N, C-alpha and C. Protein backbone atom coordinates (compact mmCIF):
# COMPACT_ATOMS: atom_id res chain seq x y z
N UNK A 1 118.81 79.81 90.80
CA UNK A 1 119.62 78.77 91.37
C UNK A 1 121.07 79.16 91.15
N UNK A 2 121.54 80.08 91.88
CA UNK A 2 122.90 80.58 91.75
C UNK A 2 123.84 79.57 92.38
N UNK A 3 124.16 78.53 91.63
CA UNK A 3 125.06 77.51 92.14
C UNK A 3 126.47 78.06 92.21
N UNK A 4 127.21 77.65 93.19
CA UNK A 4 128.55 78.18 93.41
C UNK A 4 129.47 78.00 92.19
N UNK A 5 129.30 76.92 91.42
CA UNK A 5 130.18 76.69 90.29
C UNK A 5 130.00 77.72 89.18
N UNK A 6 128.90 78.48 89.20
CA UNK A 6 128.66 79.47 88.19
C UNK A 6 129.13 80.86 88.60
N UNK A 7 129.75 80.97 89.75
CA UNK A 7 130.13 82.28 90.28
C UNK A 7 131.34 82.88 89.58
N UNK A 8 132.00 82.14 88.72
CA UNK A 8 133.18 82.68 88.05
C UNK A 8 132.82 83.58 86.87
N UNK A 9 131.53 83.66 86.53
CA UNK A 9 131.08 84.57 85.49
C UNK A 9 131.41 84.11 84.08
N UNK A 10 131.70 82.83 83.89
CA UNK A 10 132.02 82.32 82.56
C UNK A 10 130.91 81.41 82.07
N UNK A 11 130.59 81.50 80.79
CA UNK A 11 129.66 80.56 80.21
C UNK A 11 130.41 79.25 80.02
N UNK A 12 129.77 78.14 80.38
CA UNK A 12 130.48 76.86 80.38
C UNK A 12 129.98 75.88 79.34
N UNK A 13 128.90 76.21 78.61
CA UNK A 13 128.38 75.28 77.60
C UNK A 13 127.44 76.02 76.67
N UNK A 14 127.19 75.41 75.53
CA UNK A 14 126.17 75.89 74.62
C UNK A 14 124.90 75.12 74.88
N UNK A 15 123.85 75.38 74.10
CA UNK A 15 122.59 74.68 74.26
C UNK A 15 122.17 74.14 72.91
N UNK A 16 122.09 72.81 72.82
CA UNK A 16 121.65 72.18 71.59
C UNK A 16 120.13 72.25 71.51
N UNK A 17 119.61 72.22 70.30
CA UNK A 17 118.16 72.21 70.14
C UNK A 17 117.63 70.87 70.64
N UNK A 18 116.63 70.92 71.49
CA UNK A 18 116.00 69.72 72.03
C UNK A 18 114.71 69.51 71.25
N UNK A 19 114.75 68.64 70.25
CA UNK A 19 113.60 68.44 69.37
C UNK A 19 112.35 68.03 70.14
N UNK A 20 112.53 67.26 71.20
CA UNK A 20 111.37 66.86 72.01
C UNK A 20 110.70 68.10 72.62
N UNK A 21 111.49 69.07 73.03
CA UNK A 21 110.93 70.29 73.61
C UNK A 21 110.25 71.16 72.57
N UNK A 22 110.78 71.16 71.36
CA UNK A 22 110.22 72.00 70.30
C UNK A 22 108.76 71.63 70.05
N UNK A 23 108.46 70.34 70.08
CA UNK A 23 107.11 69.88 69.76
C UNK A 23 106.31 69.48 71.00
N UNK A 24 106.81 69.74 72.18
CA UNK A 24 106.14 69.33 73.42
C UNK A 24 105.01 70.27 73.79
N UNK A 25 104.19 69.82 74.72
CA UNK A 25 103.13 70.66 75.26
C UNK A 25 103.75 71.92 75.86
N UNK A 26 103.02 73.00 75.80
CA UNK A 26 103.53 74.26 76.34
C UNK A 26 102.81 74.61 77.64
N UNK A 27 103.45 75.45 78.42
CA UNK A 27 102.84 75.97 79.63
C UNK A 27 102.98 75.05 80.82
N UNK A 28 102.15 75.33 81.82
CA UNK A 28 102.15 74.54 83.05
C UNK A 28 100.78 73.93 83.25
N UNK A 29 100.72 72.99 84.19
CA UNK A 29 99.48 72.31 84.51
C UNK A 29 98.43 73.32 84.98
N UNK A 30 97.19 72.91 84.98
CA UNK A 30 96.07 73.81 85.26
C UNK A 30 95.98 74.26 86.71
N UNK A 31 96.59 73.55 87.64
CA UNK A 31 96.49 73.90 89.05
C UNK A 31 97.79 74.53 89.53
N UNK A 32 97.65 75.51 90.42
CA UNK A 32 98.79 76.23 90.98
C UNK A 32 98.85 75.94 92.47
N UNK A 33 100.05 75.67 92.98
CA UNK A 33 100.27 75.43 94.40
C UNK A 33 100.97 76.65 94.98
N UNK A 34 100.39 77.21 96.03
CA UNK A 34 101.04 78.31 96.74
C UNK A 34 101.33 77.85 98.16
N UNK A 35 102.53 78.16 98.64
CA UNK A 35 102.89 77.91 100.04
C UNK A 35 103.43 79.21 100.61
N UNK A 36 103.21 79.42 101.89
CA UNK A 36 103.76 80.61 102.53
C UNK A 36 105.27 80.56 102.44
N UNK A 37 105.88 81.70 102.18
CA UNK A 37 107.33 81.77 102.00
C UNK A 37 108.08 81.16 103.19
N UNK A 38 107.60 81.39 104.39
CA UNK A 38 108.26 80.88 105.58
C UNK A 38 108.21 79.35 105.66
N UNK A 39 107.30 78.72 104.92
CA UNK A 39 107.16 77.26 104.94
C UNK A 39 108.04 76.57 103.91
N UNK A 40 108.62 77.33 103.00
CA UNK A 40 109.52 76.77 101.99
C UNK A 40 110.92 76.68 102.59
N UNK A 41 111.50 75.48 102.61
CA UNK A 41 112.84 75.29 103.17
C UNK A 41 113.87 75.42 102.06
N UNK A 42 114.23 76.66 101.79
CA UNK A 42 115.17 76.96 100.70
C UNK A 42 116.52 76.28 100.92
N UNK A 43 117.03 76.34 102.16
CA UNK A 43 118.34 75.76 102.47
C UNK A 43 118.36 74.27 102.21
N UNK A 44 117.36 73.56 102.68
CA UNK A 44 117.31 72.11 102.49
C UNK A 44 117.07 71.75 101.03
N UNK A 45 116.26 72.55 100.34
CA UNK A 45 116.03 72.29 98.91
C UNK A 45 117.34 72.41 98.14
N UNK A 46 118.10 73.48 98.40
CA UNK A 46 119.37 73.68 97.70
C UNK A 46 120.45 72.71 98.15
N UNK A 47 120.25 72.06 99.30
CA UNK A 47 121.22 71.08 99.77
C UNK A 47 121.16 69.80 98.94
N UNK A 48 120.04 69.56 98.26
CA UNK A 48 119.94 68.39 97.39
C UNK A 48 120.89 68.54 96.22
N UNK A 49 121.37 67.41 95.73
CA UNK A 49 122.30 67.43 94.60
C UNK A 49 121.52 67.37 93.29
N UNK A 50 121.58 68.43 92.49
CA UNK A 50 120.85 68.40 91.22
C UNK A 50 121.47 67.40 90.24
N UNK A 51 120.61 66.73 89.52
CA UNK A 51 121.03 65.84 88.44
C UNK A 51 120.54 66.47 87.15
N UNK A 52 121.46 66.79 86.28
CA UNK A 52 121.15 67.48 85.03
C UNK A 52 120.33 68.75 85.29
N UNK A 53 120.66 69.47 86.38
CA UNK A 53 120.01 70.73 86.70
C UNK A 53 118.69 70.59 87.43
N UNK A 54 118.28 69.36 87.76
CA UNK A 54 116.99 69.13 88.42
C UNK A 54 117.25 68.67 89.85
N UNK A 55 116.67 69.38 90.81
CA UNK A 55 116.81 69.01 92.21
C UNK A 55 115.93 67.79 92.51
N UNK A 56 116.35 66.96 93.47
CA UNK A 56 115.54 65.78 93.78
C UNK A 56 114.17 66.14 94.35
N UNK A 57 114.09 67.16 95.18
CA UNK A 57 112.78 67.53 95.70
C UNK A 57 112.75 68.95 96.24
N UNK A 58 111.57 69.49 96.26
CA UNK A 58 111.29 70.77 96.90
C UNK A 58 110.99 70.44 98.35
N UNK A 59 111.70 71.07 99.25
CA UNK A 59 111.54 70.77 100.68
C UNK A 59 110.65 71.81 101.35
N UNK A 60 109.61 71.32 101.98
CA UNK A 60 108.71 72.19 102.74
C UNK A 60 108.82 71.83 104.21
N UNK A 61 108.66 72.81 105.07
CA UNK A 61 108.77 72.59 106.51
C UNK A 61 107.59 71.80 107.04
N UNK A 62 107.74 71.24 108.23
CA UNK A 62 106.70 70.43 108.84
C UNK A 62 105.39 71.20 108.93
N UNK A 63 104.31 70.51 108.71
CA UNK A 63 102.95 71.04 108.81
C UNK A 63 102.62 72.10 107.77
N UNK A 64 103.41 72.18 106.71
CA UNK A 64 103.13 73.13 105.64
C UNK A 64 101.84 72.73 104.92
N UNK A 65 101.03 73.71 104.64
CA UNK A 65 99.81 73.47 103.86
C UNK A 65 100.08 73.94 102.43
N UNK A 66 99.82 73.05 101.48
CA UNK A 66 99.92 73.42 100.07
C UNK A 66 98.54 73.94 99.65
N UNK A 67 98.46 75.22 99.34
CA UNK A 67 97.20 75.83 98.95
C UNK A 67 97.03 75.67 97.44
N UNK A 68 96.05 74.88 97.02
CA UNK A 68 95.83 74.59 95.61
C UNK A 68 94.80 75.56 95.05
N UNK A 69 95.16 76.20 93.96
CA UNK A 69 94.23 77.04 93.22
C UNK A 69 93.91 76.29 91.93
N UNK A 70 92.69 75.75 91.86
CA UNK A 70 92.30 74.94 90.71
C UNK A 70 91.97 75.83 89.53
N UNK A 71 92.46 75.42 88.38
CA UNK A 71 92.24 76.20 87.17
C UNK A 71 91.75 75.36 86.03
N UNK A 72 91.87 75.90 84.85
CA UNK A 72 91.56 75.19 83.61
C UNK A 72 92.81 75.27 82.73
N UNK A 73 92.77 74.60 81.61
CA UNK A 73 93.93 74.65 80.72
C UNK A 73 94.36 76.09 80.47
N UNK A 74 95.61 76.34 80.68
CA UNK A 74 96.25 77.62 80.41
C UNK A 74 95.70 78.78 81.25
N UNK A 75 95.15 78.48 82.43
CA UNK A 75 94.70 79.56 83.32
C UNK A 75 95.81 79.96 84.29
N UNK A 76 96.92 79.24 84.27
CA UNK A 76 98.10 79.59 85.07
C UNK A 76 99.20 79.96 84.08
N UNK A 77 99.67 81.21 84.16
CA UNK A 77 100.63 81.69 83.16
C UNK A 77 101.86 82.28 83.85
N UNK A 78 102.92 81.46 84.01
CA UNK A 78 104.16 82.00 84.58
C UNK A 78 104.90 82.85 83.55
N UNK A 79 105.70 83.77 84.06
CA UNK A 79 106.51 84.61 83.20
C UNK A 79 107.81 84.93 83.93
N UNK A 80 108.91 84.85 83.22
CA UNK A 80 110.21 85.18 83.79
C UNK A 80 110.86 86.22 82.88
N UNK A 81 111.31 87.32 83.47
CA UNK A 81 112.04 88.32 82.71
C UNK A 81 113.36 88.59 83.41
N UNK A 82 114.31 89.09 82.66
CA UNK A 82 115.61 89.42 83.26
C UNK A 82 115.78 90.93 83.32
N UNK A 83 116.60 91.35 84.27
CA UNK A 83 117.00 92.74 84.39
C UNK A 83 118.51 92.77 84.56
N UNK A 84 119.10 93.86 84.13
CA UNK A 84 120.54 94.01 84.30
C UNK A 84 120.78 94.78 85.60
N UNK A 85 121.61 94.19 86.46
CA UNK A 85 121.96 94.83 87.73
C UNK A 85 122.99 95.94 87.47
N UNK A 86 123.26 96.70 88.52
CA UNK A 86 124.24 97.79 88.40
C UNK A 86 125.63 97.30 88.04
N UNK A 87 125.97 96.04 88.42
CA UNK A 87 127.29 95.50 88.11
C UNK A 87 127.35 94.87 86.73
N UNK A 88 126.24 94.92 85.98
CA UNK A 88 126.21 94.38 84.62
C UNK A 88 125.72 92.96 84.52
N UNK A 89 125.64 92.23 85.64
CA UNK A 89 125.10 90.87 85.63
C UNK A 89 123.58 90.93 85.58
N UNK A 90 122.96 89.77 85.38
CA UNK A 90 121.50 89.71 85.30
C UNK A 90 120.91 89.08 86.54
N UNK A 91 119.69 89.46 86.84
CA UNK A 91 118.87 88.78 87.82
C UNK A 91 117.47 88.72 87.25
N UNK A 92 116.53 88.10 87.95
CA UNK A 92 115.27 87.73 87.31
C UNK A 92 114.06 88.16 88.12
N UNK A 93 113.00 88.44 87.40
CA UNK A 93 111.71 88.75 87.99
C UNK A 93 110.76 87.61 87.61
N UNK A 94 110.14 87.00 88.62
CA UNK A 94 109.16 85.95 88.39
C UNK A 94 107.76 86.55 88.57
N UNK A 95 106.85 86.17 87.71
CA UNK A 95 105.45 86.55 87.91
C UNK A 95 104.56 85.42 87.41
N UNK A 96 103.42 85.31 88.04
CA UNK A 96 102.44 84.31 87.63
C UNK A 96 101.07 84.96 87.62
N UNK A 97 100.42 84.88 86.48
CA UNK A 97 99.03 85.30 86.37
C UNK A 97 98.18 84.04 86.43
N UNK A 98 97.12 84.09 87.20
CA UNK A 98 96.22 82.94 87.25
C UNK A 98 94.80 83.41 87.48
N UNK A 99 93.86 82.53 87.18
CA UNK A 99 92.45 82.86 87.32
C UNK A 99 91.88 82.08 88.50
N UNK A 100 91.13 82.77 89.32
CA UNK A 100 90.41 82.15 90.43
C UNK A 100 88.96 82.02 89.98
N UNK A 101 88.53 80.78 89.80
CA UNK A 101 87.19 80.52 89.27
C UNK A 101 86.18 80.38 90.40
N UNK A 102 86.06 81.42 91.18
CA UNK A 102 85.09 81.45 92.27
C UNK A 102 84.92 82.89 92.72
N UNK A 103 83.71 83.19 93.15
CA UNK A 103 83.46 84.48 93.76
C UNK A 103 82.78 84.30 95.11
N UNK A 104 82.91 83.10 95.67
CA UNK A 104 82.33 82.80 96.98
C UNK A 104 82.98 83.67 98.05
N UNK A 105 82.23 83.97 99.09
CA UNK A 105 82.72 84.86 100.15
C UNK A 105 84.01 84.35 100.78
N UNK A 106 84.10 83.07 101.08
CA UNK A 106 85.32 82.54 101.70
C UNK A 106 86.51 82.64 100.76
N UNK A 107 86.28 82.44 99.47
CA UNK A 107 87.37 82.55 98.50
C UNK A 107 87.82 83.99 98.32
N UNK A 108 86.90 84.92 98.45
CA UNK A 108 87.27 86.35 98.43
C UNK A 108 88.19 86.66 99.62
N UNK A 109 87.89 86.05 100.77
CA UNK A 109 88.73 86.24 101.95
C UNK A 109 90.14 85.70 101.71
N UNK A 110 90.23 84.57 101.01
CA UNK A 110 91.55 84.01 100.68
C UNK A 110 92.34 85.00 99.83
N UNK A 111 91.68 85.62 98.88
CA UNK A 111 92.36 86.60 98.03
C UNK A 111 92.80 87.81 98.83
N UNK A 112 91.98 88.24 99.79
CA UNK A 112 92.39 89.35 100.65
C UNK A 112 93.59 88.96 101.51
N UNK A 113 93.61 87.71 101.99
CA UNK A 113 94.76 87.22 102.75
C UNK A 113 96.01 87.20 101.88
N UNK A 114 95.85 86.80 100.62
CA UNK A 114 96.98 86.76 99.69
C UNK A 114 97.58 88.15 99.52
N UNK A 115 96.76 89.18 99.61
CA UNK A 115 97.24 90.54 99.44
C UNK A 115 98.29 90.92 100.48
N UNK A 116 98.24 90.29 101.65
CA UNK A 116 99.22 90.61 102.70
C UNK A 116 100.26 89.53 102.90
N UNK A 117 100.31 88.57 102.01
CA UNK A 117 101.20 87.42 102.18
C UNK A 117 102.39 87.47 101.24
N UNK A 118 103.40 86.70 101.60
CA UNK A 118 104.54 86.45 100.71
C UNK A 118 104.55 84.94 100.50
N UNK A 119 104.50 84.51 99.24
CA UNK A 119 104.36 83.09 98.92
C UNK A 119 105.43 82.62 97.95
N UNK A 120 105.54 81.31 97.87
CA UNK A 120 106.32 80.64 96.84
C UNK A 120 105.30 79.88 95.99
N UNK A 121 105.43 79.97 94.68
CA UNK A 121 104.50 79.30 93.77
C UNK A 121 105.17 78.06 93.17
N UNK A 122 104.39 77.00 93.06
CA UNK A 122 104.88 75.75 92.47
C UNK A 122 103.89 75.34 91.39
N UNK A 123 104.42 75.10 90.21
CA UNK A 123 103.59 74.65 89.10
C UNK A 123 104.24 73.42 88.47
N UNK A 124 103.45 72.61 87.80
CA UNK A 124 103.98 71.44 87.10
C UNK A 124 104.13 71.80 85.64
N UNK A 125 105.36 71.72 85.14
CA UNK A 125 105.66 72.05 83.74
C UNK A 125 105.09 70.94 82.86
N UNK A 126 104.27 71.30 81.89
CA UNK A 126 103.55 70.31 81.08
C UNK A 126 104.46 69.35 80.31
N UNK A 127 105.49 69.86 79.70
CA UNK A 127 106.27 69.00 78.80
C UNK A 127 107.20 68.05 79.53
N UNK A 128 107.61 68.39 80.76
CA UNK A 128 108.56 67.54 81.48
C UNK A 128 107.95 66.84 82.68
N UNK A 129 106.84 67.37 83.19
CA UNK A 129 106.25 66.82 84.40
C UNK A 129 106.99 67.22 85.66
N UNK A 130 107.98 68.11 85.52
CA UNK A 130 108.76 68.55 86.68
C UNK A 130 108.05 69.68 87.41
N UNK A 131 108.30 69.74 88.72
CA UNK A 131 107.81 70.86 89.51
C UNK A 131 108.72 72.05 89.27
N UNK A 132 108.13 73.22 89.09
CA UNK A 132 108.91 74.43 88.89
C UNK A 132 108.54 75.41 90.00
N UNK A 133 109.57 75.96 90.65
CA UNK A 133 109.35 76.86 91.79
C UNK A 133 109.62 78.29 91.35
N UNK A 134 108.71 79.18 91.71
CA UNK A 134 108.85 80.60 91.42
C UNK A 134 108.88 81.35 92.75
N UNK A 135 109.85 82.25 92.89
CA UNK A 135 109.94 83.06 94.10
C UNK A 135 110.75 82.42 95.21
N UNK A 136 111.65 81.50 94.88
CA UNK A 136 112.42 80.78 95.90
C UNK A 136 113.32 81.71 96.71
N UNK A 137 113.86 82.74 96.12
CA UNK A 137 114.77 83.64 96.83
C UNK A 137 114.03 84.68 97.66
N UNK A 138 113.09 85.37 97.05
CA UNK A 138 112.45 86.52 97.67
C UNK A 138 110.98 86.33 97.98
N UNK A 139 110.38 85.31 97.42
CA UNK A 139 108.94 85.14 97.55
C UNK A 139 108.22 86.00 96.52
N UNK A 140 106.93 85.79 96.41
CA UNK A 140 106.10 86.54 95.48
C UNK A 140 105.01 87.26 96.26
N UNK A 141 104.66 88.45 95.80
CA UNK A 141 103.62 89.25 96.44
C UNK A 141 102.53 89.54 95.41
N UNK A 142 101.34 89.79 95.92
CA UNK A 142 100.23 90.16 95.05
C UNK A 142 100.55 91.49 94.37
N UNK A 143 100.47 91.51 93.04
CA UNK A 143 100.71 92.75 92.30
C UNK A 143 99.50 93.17 91.49
N UNK A 144 98.53 92.27 91.36
CA UNK A 144 97.33 92.62 90.62
C UNK A 144 96.19 91.68 90.95
N UNK A 145 95.00 92.26 91.09
CA UNK A 145 93.79 91.48 91.31
C UNK A 145 92.67 92.25 90.63
N UNK A 146 91.94 91.56 89.76
CA UNK A 146 90.92 92.27 88.99
C UNK A 146 89.72 91.38 88.78
N UNK A 147 88.55 91.99 88.87
CA UNK A 147 87.31 91.32 88.49
C UNK A 147 86.43 92.36 87.82
N UNK A 148 86.18 92.18 86.56
CA UNK A 148 85.27 93.07 85.83
C UNK A 148 83.86 92.56 86.11
N UNK A 149 83.03 93.38 86.73
CA UNK A 149 81.71 92.92 87.15
C UNK A 149 80.71 92.81 86.01
N UNK A 150 80.90 93.57 84.97
CA UNK A 150 79.99 93.50 83.84
C UNK A 150 80.77 93.64 82.55
N UNK A 151 80.15 93.21 81.48
CA UNK A 151 80.69 93.46 80.15
C UNK A 151 81.86 92.59 79.75
N UNK A 152 82.09 91.50 80.46
CA UNK A 152 83.18 90.61 80.02
C UNK A 152 82.81 89.18 80.31
N UNK A 153 83.47 88.28 79.62
CA UNK A 153 83.23 86.86 79.84
C UNK A 153 83.78 86.39 81.18
N UNK A 154 84.64 87.18 81.79
CA UNK A 154 85.26 86.78 83.05
C UNK A 154 84.66 87.50 84.25
N UNK A 155 83.42 87.97 84.13
CA UNK A 155 82.84 88.75 85.22
C UNK A 155 82.59 87.93 86.48
N UNK A 156 82.62 86.63 86.39
CA UNK A 156 82.43 85.77 87.56
C UNK A 156 83.74 85.26 88.14
N UNK A 157 84.86 85.74 87.64
CA UNK A 157 86.17 85.25 88.05
C UNK A 157 87.07 86.39 88.47
N UNK A 158 88.15 86.02 89.16
CA UNK A 158 89.19 86.99 89.53
C UNK A 158 90.45 86.65 88.75
N UNK A 159 91.06 87.65 88.17
CA UNK A 159 92.36 87.50 87.55
C UNK A 159 93.38 88.02 88.55
N UNK A 160 94.36 87.17 88.89
CA UNK A 160 95.31 87.47 89.95
C UNK A 160 96.72 87.42 89.37
N UNK A 161 97.57 88.32 89.79
CA UNK A 161 98.99 88.27 89.44
C UNK A 161 99.81 88.40 90.71
N UNK A 162 100.76 87.47 90.87
CA UNK A 162 101.74 87.55 91.94
C UNK A 162 103.11 87.64 91.29
N UNK A 163 104.02 88.39 91.92
CA UNK A 163 105.32 88.60 91.29
C UNK A 163 106.38 88.93 92.33
N UNK A 164 107.63 88.86 91.87
CA UNK A 164 108.76 89.31 92.69
C UNK A 164 108.46 90.73 93.14
N UNK A 165 108.64 91.05 94.42
CA UNK A 165 108.34 92.40 94.89
C UNK A 165 109.07 93.46 94.05
N UNK A 166 108.38 94.54 93.78
CA UNK A 166 108.94 95.59 92.94
C UNK A 166 109.76 96.56 93.78
N UNK A 167 110.84 96.03 94.33
CA UNK A 167 111.80 96.82 95.09
C UNK A 167 113.12 96.66 94.35
N UNK A 168 113.73 97.75 93.96
CA UNK A 168 114.87 97.73 93.04
C UNK A 168 116.01 96.81 93.46
N UNK A 169 116.19 96.58 94.75
CA UNK A 169 117.32 95.75 95.19
C UNK A 169 116.91 94.32 95.49
N UNK A 170 115.67 93.94 95.15
CA UNK A 170 115.21 92.59 95.42
C UNK A 170 114.77 91.94 94.12
N UNK A 171 115.44 90.87 93.77
CA UNK A 171 115.10 90.09 92.58
C UNK A 171 115.46 88.63 92.86
N UNK A 172 115.17 87.76 91.91
CA UNK A 172 115.51 86.34 92.03
C UNK A 172 116.87 86.10 91.38
N UNK A 173 117.64 85.19 91.96
CA UNK A 173 118.98 84.92 91.44
C UNK A 173 118.98 83.95 90.27
N UNK A 174 117.86 83.27 90.01
CA UNK A 174 117.83 82.28 88.93
C UNK A 174 116.50 82.32 88.19
N UNK A 175 116.48 81.62 87.09
CA UNK A 175 115.26 81.47 86.32
C UNK A 175 114.22 80.72 87.14
N UNK A 176 114.64 79.81 87.97
CA UNK A 176 113.74 79.04 88.82
C UNK A 176 114.30 77.67 89.11
N UNK A 177 113.76 77.04 90.11
CA UNK A 177 114.19 75.70 90.51
C UNK A 177 113.29 74.67 89.85
N UNK A 178 113.88 73.60 89.34
CA UNK A 178 113.13 72.45 88.86
C UNK A 178 113.39 71.30 89.81
N UNK A 179 112.35 70.50 90.08
CA UNK A 179 112.51 69.36 90.99
C UNK A 179 111.56 68.25 90.56
N UNK A 180 111.87 67.05 91.00
CA UNK A 180 111.05 65.89 90.63
C UNK A 180 109.94 65.61 91.63
N UNK A 181 110.01 66.17 92.84
CA UNK A 181 109.01 65.85 93.87
C UNK A 181 108.91 67.00 94.87
N UNK A 182 107.87 66.92 95.70
CA UNK A 182 107.69 67.84 96.82
C UNK A 182 107.70 66.99 98.08
N UNK A 183 108.49 67.41 99.06
CA UNK A 183 108.56 66.69 100.33
C UNK A 183 108.19 67.64 101.46
N UNK A 184 107.22 67.25 102.29
CA UNK A 184 106.88 68.01 103.47
C UNK A 184 107.43 67.27 104.67
N UNK A 185 108.25 67.94 105.44
CA UNK A 185 108.89 67.32 106.61
C UNK A 185 107.80 66.88 107.60
N UNK A 186 108.08 65.81 108.31
CA UNK A 186 107.15 65.35 109.32
C UNK A 186 107.50 66.00 110.65
N UNK A 187 106.48 66.35 111.43
CA UNK A 187 106.74 67.05 112.70
C UNK A 187 107.46 66.15 113.70
């Protein structure tokens, strides 16, 4: 969320310890929402006025389908890392590992479709209940899909990872967007 007010390259505040966060639930909710990158209305989402860094809503284009991947506790694992750009500033890589608890033929087809797609991932942060968006700038691409057929407890499941595309000049400008709601435009 590269807001214009932060473009001067100066740190503007410190961060106090938030005791509620220290003892709060960790991770994200068990279900992951994926939408096609073209269906995420980045411009309209950023047009909302954030309150304490939280946008009022994630804006999706008309007729957008939210693809829900149902999981179990801690089966959705987001990760954010930073990299230093050539100019010395930082940008971010988003990745999400999740488990697909199905090996049905139609679900396998969904995973094959995901291999050629660019998506935005939305998860609900456990401790705040806020929606968190990953891949808002560049989208996320499939970077890993694995199913061990024998010899493991997960032989009936697929482990999937989607991440910022591994192209040196493409990264995310922020840690991620937080919002209180998801809005799908009406046609």
